[in-house]
C-alpha atoms as a PDB file:
ATOM      1  CA  UNK A   1       0.000   0.000   0.000  1.00  0.00           C
ATOM      2  CA  UNK A   2       1.480   3.349  -0.969  1.00  0.00           C
ATOM      3  CA  UNK A   3       2.652   5.569   1.814  1.00  0.00           C
ATOM      4  CA  UNK A   4       0.047   8.128   2.916  1.00  0.00           C
ATOM      5  CA  UNK A   5      -2.855   5.965   1.699  1.00  0.00           C
ATOM      6  CA  UNK A   6      -5.303   5.197   4.489  1.00  0.00           C
ATOM      7  CA  UNK A   7      -5.815   1.580   5.382  1.00  0.00           C
ATOM      8  CA  UNK A   8      -9.150   0.070   4.419  1.00  0.00           C
ATOM      9  CA  UNK A   9     -11.879   1.025   6.894  1.00  0.00           C
ATOM     10  CA  UNK A  10      -9.997   4.085   8.128  1.00  0.00           C
ATOM     11  CA  UNK A  11     -10.342   7.771   7.330  1.00  0.00           C
ATOM     12  CA  UNK A  12      -7.698  10.336   6.692  1.00  0.00           C
ATOM     13  CA  UNK A  13      -9.945  13.156   8.033  1.00  0.00           C
ATOM     14  CA  UNK A  14      -8.673  14.556  11.311  1.00  0.00           C
ATOM     15  CA  UNK A  15     -10.745  13.645  14.304  1.00  0.00           C
ATOM     16  CA  UNK A  16     -12.417  16.433  16.279  1.00  0.00           C
ATOM     17  CA  UNK A  17     -11.462  16.758  19.915  1.00  0.00           C
ATOM     18  CA  UNK A  18     -13.940  15.317  22.353  1.00  0.00           C
ATOM     19  CA  UNK A  19     -16.548  17.771  23.620  1.00  0.00           C
ATOM     20  CA  UNK A  20     -16.013  18.755  27.226  1.00  0.00           C
ATOM     21  CA  UNK A  21     -18.356  17.031  29.622  1.00  0.00           C
ATOM     22  CA  UNK A  22     -20.738  19.194  31.636  1.00  0.00           C
ATOM     23  CA  UNK A  23     -19.782  19.714  35.251  1.00  0.00           C
ATOM     24  CA  UNK A  24     -22.397  18.757  37.815  1.00  0.00           C
ATOM     25  CA  UNK A  25     -20.893  20.863  40.598  1.00  0.00           C
ATOM     26  CA  UNK A  26     -22.548  24.305  40.759  1.00  0.00           C
ATOM     27  CA  UNK A  27     -20.601  27.384  41.728  1.00  0.00           C
ATOM     28  CA  UNK A  28     -21.506  28.546  45.240  1.00  0.00           C
ATOM     29  CA  UNK A  29     -23.528  31.764  45.289  1.00  0.00           C
ATOM     30  CA  UNK A  30     -21.547  34.905  45.859  1.00  0.00           C
ATOM     31  CA  UNK A  31     -21.745  36.124  49.446  1.00  0.00           C
ATOM     32  CA  UNK A  32     -23.982  39.158  49.923  1.00  0.00           C
ATOM     33  CA  UNK A  33     -22.249  42.495  49.850  1.00  0.00           C
ATOM     34  CA  UNK A  34     -22.607  45.106  52.551  1.00  0.00           C
ATOM     35  CA  UNK A  35     -24.838  47.151  50.242  1.00  0.00           C
ATOM     36  CA  UNK A  36     -27.101  44.097  49.783  1.00  0.00           C
ATOM     37  CA  UNK A  37     -27.480  43.727  53.552  1.00  0.00           C
ATOM     38  CA  UNK A  38     -28.042  47.439  54.120  1.00  0.00           C
ATOM     39  CA  UNK A  39     -31.408  47.420  52.310  1.00  0.00           C
ATOM     40  CA  UNK A  40     -32.578  43.825  52.626  1.00  0.00           C
ATOM     41  CA  UNK A  41     -36.035  42.984  53.939  1.00  0.00           C
ATOM     42  CA  UNK A  42     -35.275  39.255  54.032  1.00  0.00           C
ATOM     43  CA  UNK A  43     -32.074  39.803  56.037  1.00  0.00           C
ATOM     44  CA  UNK A  44     -33.978  41.973  58.515  1.00  0.00           C
ATOM     45  CA  UNK A  45     -36.653  39.307  59.041  1.00  0.00           C
ATOM     46  CA  UNK A  46     -34.031  36.934  60.437  1.00  0.00           C
ATOM     47  CA  UNK A  47     -31.839  39.506  62.225  1.00  0.00           C
ATOM     48  CA  UNK A  48     -33.651  41.425  64.982  1.00  0.00           C
ATOM     49  CA  UNK A  49     -32.262  44.839  65.838  1.00  0.00           C
ATOM     50  CA  UNK A  50     -30.027  45.074  68.881  1.00  0.00           C
ATOM     51  CA  UNK A  51     -30.716  47.937  71.266  1.00  0.00           C
ATOM     52  CA  UNK A  52     -27.058  48.999  70.937  1.00  0.00           C
ATOM     53  CA  UNK A  53     -27.503  49.803  67.230  1.00  0.00           C
ATOM     54  CA  UNK A  54     -30.604  51.957  67.677  1.00  0.00           C
ATOM     55  CA  UNK A  55     -31.321  55.560  68.596  1.00  0.00           C
ATOM     56  CA  UNK A  56     -34.836  56.259  69.897  1.00  0.00           C
ATOM     57  CA  UNK A  57     -36.371  59.733  70.003  1.00  0.00           C
ATOM     58  CA  UNK A  58     -39.826  61.052  70.846  1.00  0.00           C
ATOM     59  CA  UNK A  59     -41.084  64.380  69.480  1.00  0.00           C
ATOM     60  CA  UNK A  60     -44.489  66.100  69.368  1.00  0.00           C
ATOM     61  CA  UNK A  61     -46.407  66.123  66.111  1.00  0.00           C
ATOM     62  CA  UNK A  62     -46.605  69.720  64.851  1.00  0.00           C
ATOM     63  CA  UNK A  63     -50.081  71.206  65.439  1.00  0.00           C
ATOM     64  CA  UNK A  64     -51.242  68.071  67.311  1.00  0.00           C
ATOM     65  CA  UNK A  65     -50.317  68.410  71.006  1.00  0.00           C
ATOM     66  CA  UNK A  66     -51.753  64.980  71.882  1.00  0.00           C
ATOM     67  CA  UNK A  67     -49.568  63.105  69.381  1.00  0.00           C
ATOM     68  CA  UNK A  68     -45.945  61.980  69.613  1.00  0.00           C
ATOM     69  CA  UNK A  69     -43.655  60.634  66.912  1.00  0.00           C
ATOM     70  CA  UNK A  70     -41.547  57.676  68.040  1.00  0.00           C
ATOM     71  CA  UNK A  71     -38.507  57.509  65.745  1.00  0.00           C
ATOM     72  CA  UNK A  72     -36.173  54.486  65.837  1.00  0.00           C
ATOM     73  CA  UNK A  73     -32.998  54.901  63.780  1.00  0.00           C
ATOM     74  CA  UNK A  74     -30.820  51.954  62.757  1.00  0.00           C
ATOM     75  CA  UNK A  75     -27.219  53.146  63.122  1.00  0.00           C
ATOM     76  CA  UNK A  76     -25.820  49.806  61.930  1.00  0.00           C
ATOM     77  CA  UNK A  77     -24.423  48.883  58.519  1.00  0.00           C
ATOM     78  CA  UNK A  78     -27.043  46.179  57.835  1.00  0.00           C
ATOM     79  CA  UNK A  79     -30.828  46.156  57.927  1.00  0.00           C
ATOM     80  CA  UNK A  80     -32.473  44.678  61.000  1.00  0.00           C
ATOM     81  CA  UNK A  81     -35.955  43.761  62.126  1.00  0.00           C
ATOM     82  CA  UNK A  82     -38.242  45.381  64.681  1.00  0.00           C
ATOM     83  CA  UNK A  83     -41.557  44.043  65.946  1.00  0.00           C
ATOM     84  CA  UNK A  84     -44.708  45.387  64.276  1.00  0.00           C
ATOM     85  CA  UNK A  85     -44.825  48.286  66.740  1.00  0.00           C
ATOM     86  CA  UNK A  86     -42.843  49.416  69.788  1.00  0.00           C
ATOM     87  CA  UNK A  87     -43.790  48.129  73.216  1.00  0.00           C
ATOM     88  CA  UNK A  88     -45.141  51.255  74.874  1.00  0.00           C
ATOM     89  CA  UNK A  89     -46.911  52.283  78.039  1.00  0.00           C
ATOM     90  CA  UNK A  90     -47.677  55.650  79.615  1.00  0.00           C
ATOM     91  CA  UNK A  91     -46.859  56.129  83.282  1.00  0.00           C
ATOM     92  CA  UNK A  92     -46.257  58.459  86.206  1.00  0.00           C
ATOM     93  CA  UNK A  93     -42.520  59.064  86.666  1.00  0.00           C
ATOM     94  CA  UNK A  94     -43.066  59.642  90.413  1.00  0.00           C
ATOM     95  CA  UNK A  95     -44.657  56.200  90.783  1.00  0.00           C
ATOM     96  CA  UNK A  96     -43.024  54.047  88.069  1.00  0.00           C
ATOM     97  CA  UNK A  97     -45.120  51.057  87.040  1.00  0.00           C
ATOM     98  CA  UNK A  98     -48.057  52.253  89.093  1.00  0.00           C
ATOM     99  CA  UNK A  99     -50.454  52.947  86.220  1.00  0.00           C
ATOM    100  CA  UNK A 100     -49.097  51.610  82.917  1.00  0.00           C
ATOM    101  CA  UNK A 101     -51.704  52.900  80.487  1.00  0.00           C
ATOM    102  CA  UNK A 102     -51.278  50.934  77.235  1.00  0.00           C
ATOM    103  CA  UNK A 103     -52.440  52.102  73.799  1.00  0.00           C
ATOM    104  CA  UNK A 104     -54.690  50.411  71.287  1.00  0.00           C
ATOM    105  CA  UNK A 105     -52.919  49.163  68.131  1.00  0.00           C
ATOM    106  CA  UNK A 106     -54.071  47.940  64.703  1.00  0.00           C
ATOM    107  CA  UNK A 107     -55.345  44.353  64.848  1.00  0.00           C
ATOM    108  CA  UNK A 108     -55.411  41.459  62.388  1.00  0.00           C
ATOM    109  CA  UNK A 109     -51.691  41.536  61.675  1.00  0.00           C
ATOM    110  CA  UNK A 110     -50.114  39.022  59.300  1.00  0.00           C
ATOM    111  CA  UNK A 111     -47.248  38.790  56.858  1.00  0.00           C
ATOM    112  CA  UNK A 112     -43.555  38.997  57.708  1.00  0.00           C
ATOM    113  CA  UNK A 113     -42.574  38.518  61.328  1.00  0.00           C
ATOM    114  CA  UNK A 114     -40.975  41.924  61.726  1.00  0.00           C
ATOM    115  CA  UNK A 115     -40.742  45.474  60.439  1.00  0.00           C
ATOM    116  CA  UNK A 116     -37.486  45.923  58.497  1.00  0.00           C
ATOM    117  CA  UNK A 117     -35.496  49.086  59.133  1.00  0.00           C
ATOM    118  CA  UNK A 118     -32.649  49.659  56.695  1.00  0.00           C
ATOM    119  CA  UNK A 119     -29.130  50.697  57.622  1.00  0.00           C
ATOM    120  CA  UNK A 120     -28.956  54.380  58.575  1.00  0.00           C
ATOM    121  CA  UNK A 121     -32.729  54.717  58.116  1.00  0.00           C
ATOM    122  CA  UNK A 122     -35.540  55.380  60.577  1.00  0.00           C
ATOM    123  CA  UNK A 123     -38.787  53.598  61.397  1.00  0.00           C
ATOM    124  CA  UNK A 124     -41.636  55.731  62.738  1.00  0.00           C
ATOM    125  CA  UNK A 125     -44.631  55.034  64.952  1.00  0.00           C
ATOM    126  CA  UNK A 126     -47.131  57.632  66.141  1.00  0.00           C
ATOM    127  CA  UNK A 127     -49.042  57.546  69.417  1.00  0.00           C
ATOM    128  CA  UNK A 128     -52.046  59.735  70.180  1.00  0.00           C
ATOM    129  CA  UNK A 129     -52.266  60.222  73.939  1.00  0.00           C
ATOM    130  CA  UNK A 130     -55.857  61.470  73.828  1.00  0.00           C
ATOM    131  CA  UNK A 131     -57.387  60.872  70.383  1.00  0.00           C
ATOM    132  CA  UNK A 132     -60.763  62.246  71.498  1.00  0.00           C
ATOM    133  CA  UNK A 133     -59.267  65.606  72.498  1.00  0.00           C
ATOM    134  CA  UNK A 134     -61.091  65.453  75.824  1.00  0.00           C
ATOM    135  CA  UNK A 135     -59.724  67.384  78.767  1.00  0.00           C
ATOM    136  CA  UNK A 136     -62.069  65.784  81.329  1.00  0.00           C
ATOM    137  CA  UNK A 137     -61.924  62.149  82.409  1.00  0.00           C
ATOM    138  CA  UNK A 138     -58.271  61.807  81.474  1.00  0.00           C
ATOM    139  CA  UNK A 139     -55.888  59.654  83.529  1.00  0.00           C
ATOM    140  CA  UNK A 140     -54.247  61.895  86.151  1.00  0.00           C
ATOM    141  CA  UNK A 141     -50.519  62.043  86.787  1.00  0.00           C
ATOM    142  CA  UNK A 142     -49.289  60.583  83.499  1.00  0.00           C
ATOM    143  CA  UNK A 143     -46.088  62.396  82.552  1.00  0.00           C
ATOM    144  CA  UNK A 144     -43.852  59.904  80.719  1.00  0.00           C
ATOM    145  CA  UNK A 145     -43.811  57.380  77.909  1.00  0.00           C
ATOM    146  CA  UNK A 146     -41.804  54.171  78.342  1.00  0.00           C
ATOM    147  CA  UNK A 147     -40.610  52.494  75.135  1.00  0.00           C
ATOM    148  CA  UNK A 148     -38.972  49.164  74.299  1.00  0.00           C
ATOM    149  CA  UNK A 149     -38.253  49.418  70.550  1.00  0.00           C
ATOM    150  CA  UNK A 150     -38.857  45.676  69.965  1.00  0.00           C
ATOM    151  CA  UNK A 151     -40.962  43.968  72.592  1.00  0.00           C
ATOM    152  CA  UNK A 152     -40.675  40.610  70.815  1.00  0.00           C
ATOM    153  CA  UNK A 153     -36.882  40.344  71.105  1.00  0.00           C
ATOM    154  CA  UNK A 154     -35.681  42.853  73.697  1.00  0.00           C
ATOM    155  CA  UNK A 155     -35.831  42.551  77.492  1.00  0.00           C
ATOM    156  CA  UNK A 156     -37.648  45.094  79.623  1.00  0.00           C
ATOM    157  CA  UNK A 157     -34.199  46.374  80.612  1.00  0.00           C
ATOM    158  CA  UNK A 158     -34.017  47.925  77.123  1.00  0.00           C
ATOM    159  CA  UNK A 159     -36.849  50.317  78.046  1.00  0.00           C
ATOM    160  CA  UNK A 160     -36.234  54.034  77.642  1.00  0.00           C
ATOM    161  CA  UNK A 161     -38.267  56.750  79.397  1.00  0.00           C
ATOM    162  CA  UNK A 162     -39.255  60.043  77.766  1.00  0.00           C
ATOM    163  CA  UNK A 163     -40.998  62.967  79.450  1.00  0.00           C
ATOM    164  CA  UNK A 164     -44.342  63.967  77.971  1.00  0.00           C
ATOM    165  CA  UNK A 165     -44.231  67.498  79.337  1.00  0.00           C
ATOM    166  CA  UNK A 166     -46.509  69.240  81.751  1.00  0.00           C
ATOM    167  CA  UNK A 167     -50.248  69.004  81.242  1.00  0.00           C
ATOM    168  CA  UNK A 168     -50.294  65.900  79.022  1.00  0.00           C
ATOM    169  CA  UNK A 169     -53.831  64.512  78.714  1.00  0.00           C
ATOM    170  CA  UNK A 170     -54.121  60.731  78.392  1.00  0.00           C
ATOM    171  CA  UNK A 171     -57.393  59.008  77.552  1.00  0.00           C
ATOM    172  CA  UNK A 172     -57.748  55.790  75.515  1.00  0.00           C
ATOM    173  CA  UNK A 173     -54.447  56.264  73.629  1.00  0.00           C
ATOM    174  CA  UNK A 174     -53.925  54.817  70.152  1.00  0.00           C
ATOM    175  CA  UNK A 175     -50.682  53.843  68.421  1.00  0.00           C
ATOM    176  CA  UNK A 176     -49.899  52.655  64.906  1.00  0.00           C
ATOM    177  CA  UNK A 177     -47.405  50.266  63.392  1.00  0.00           C
ATOM    178  CA  UNK A 178     -43.822  51.074  62.475  1.00  0.00           C
ATOM    179  CA  UNK A 179     -43.765  52.751  59.069  1.00  0.00           C
ATOM    180  CA  UNK A 180     -41.113  54.309  56.821  1.00  0.00           C
ATOM    181  CA  UNK A 181     -42.726  57.758  56.868  1.00  0.00           C
ATOM    182  CA  UNK A 182     -44.465  59.873  59.491  1.00  0.00           C
ATOM    183  CA  UNK A 183     -47.540  60.270  57.261  1.00  0.00           C
ATOM    184  CA  UNK A 184     -47.932  56.482  56.987  1.00  0.00           C
ATOM    185  CA  UNK A 185     -47.395  56.148  60.743  1.00  0.00           C
ATOM    186  CA  UNK A 186     -50.167  58.699  61.365  1.00  0.00           C
ATOM    187  CA  UNK A 187     -52.548  56.777  59.094  1.00  0.00           C
ATOM    188  CA  UNK A 188     -51.703  53.533  60.876  1.00  0.00           C
ATOM    189  CA  UNK A 189     -52.365  55.121  64.286  1.00  0.00           C
ATOM    190  CA  UNK A 190     -55.840  56.165  63.164  1.00  0.00           C
ATOM    191  CA  UNK A 191     -56.610  52.505  62.335  1.00  0.00           C
ATOM    192  CA  UNK A 192     -55.751  51.252  65.848  1.00  0.00           C
ATOM    193  CA  UNK A 193     -58.615  49.103  67.135  1.00  0.00           C
ATOM    194  CA  UNK A 194     -57.156  46.456  69.460  1.00  0.00           C
ATOM    195  CA  UNK A 195     -56.309  47.042  73.114  1.00  0.00           C
ATOM    196  CA  UNK A 196     -52.889  45.783  74.246  1.00  0.00           C
END
């Protein structure tokens, strides 16, 4: 057989390289970045806020002397979860724990187990001390509001006291859920219908 002539039953065409086989091992997902965690609802649902990462303030609502804005700021670098609303009671600072007037809150809650608050953002709740505006029949001696930002996960030792100011009238108070704006918090307060 002449040189260079293929043997019977063989081909002189070059053979193609074998196709690579598919790998069955998946790449692990990339770890979340700090910016992912800063604004993540799902991360917040599984990571309750720690009292050390929060700043709580209470201020009057302009033109509504009976109302107070409860603002809870997350100073951390990741989102965290608060309960649906702060644990709040109104009391007499000269007889702590003697009266403990609790507000009504919105009922029929469902959905996620917490209220996410993003990194360096603030959650708001509004309480109306005397939604009726009555000046008679109010609870005497109430001069402070006691707040635990997350009553579901924080001990009572996390409570912070804030003065209400002289002449505060308290009668059947109402409080709304944590919201991302004061306007939404006001609307939620107006829907309160369940006594704590």
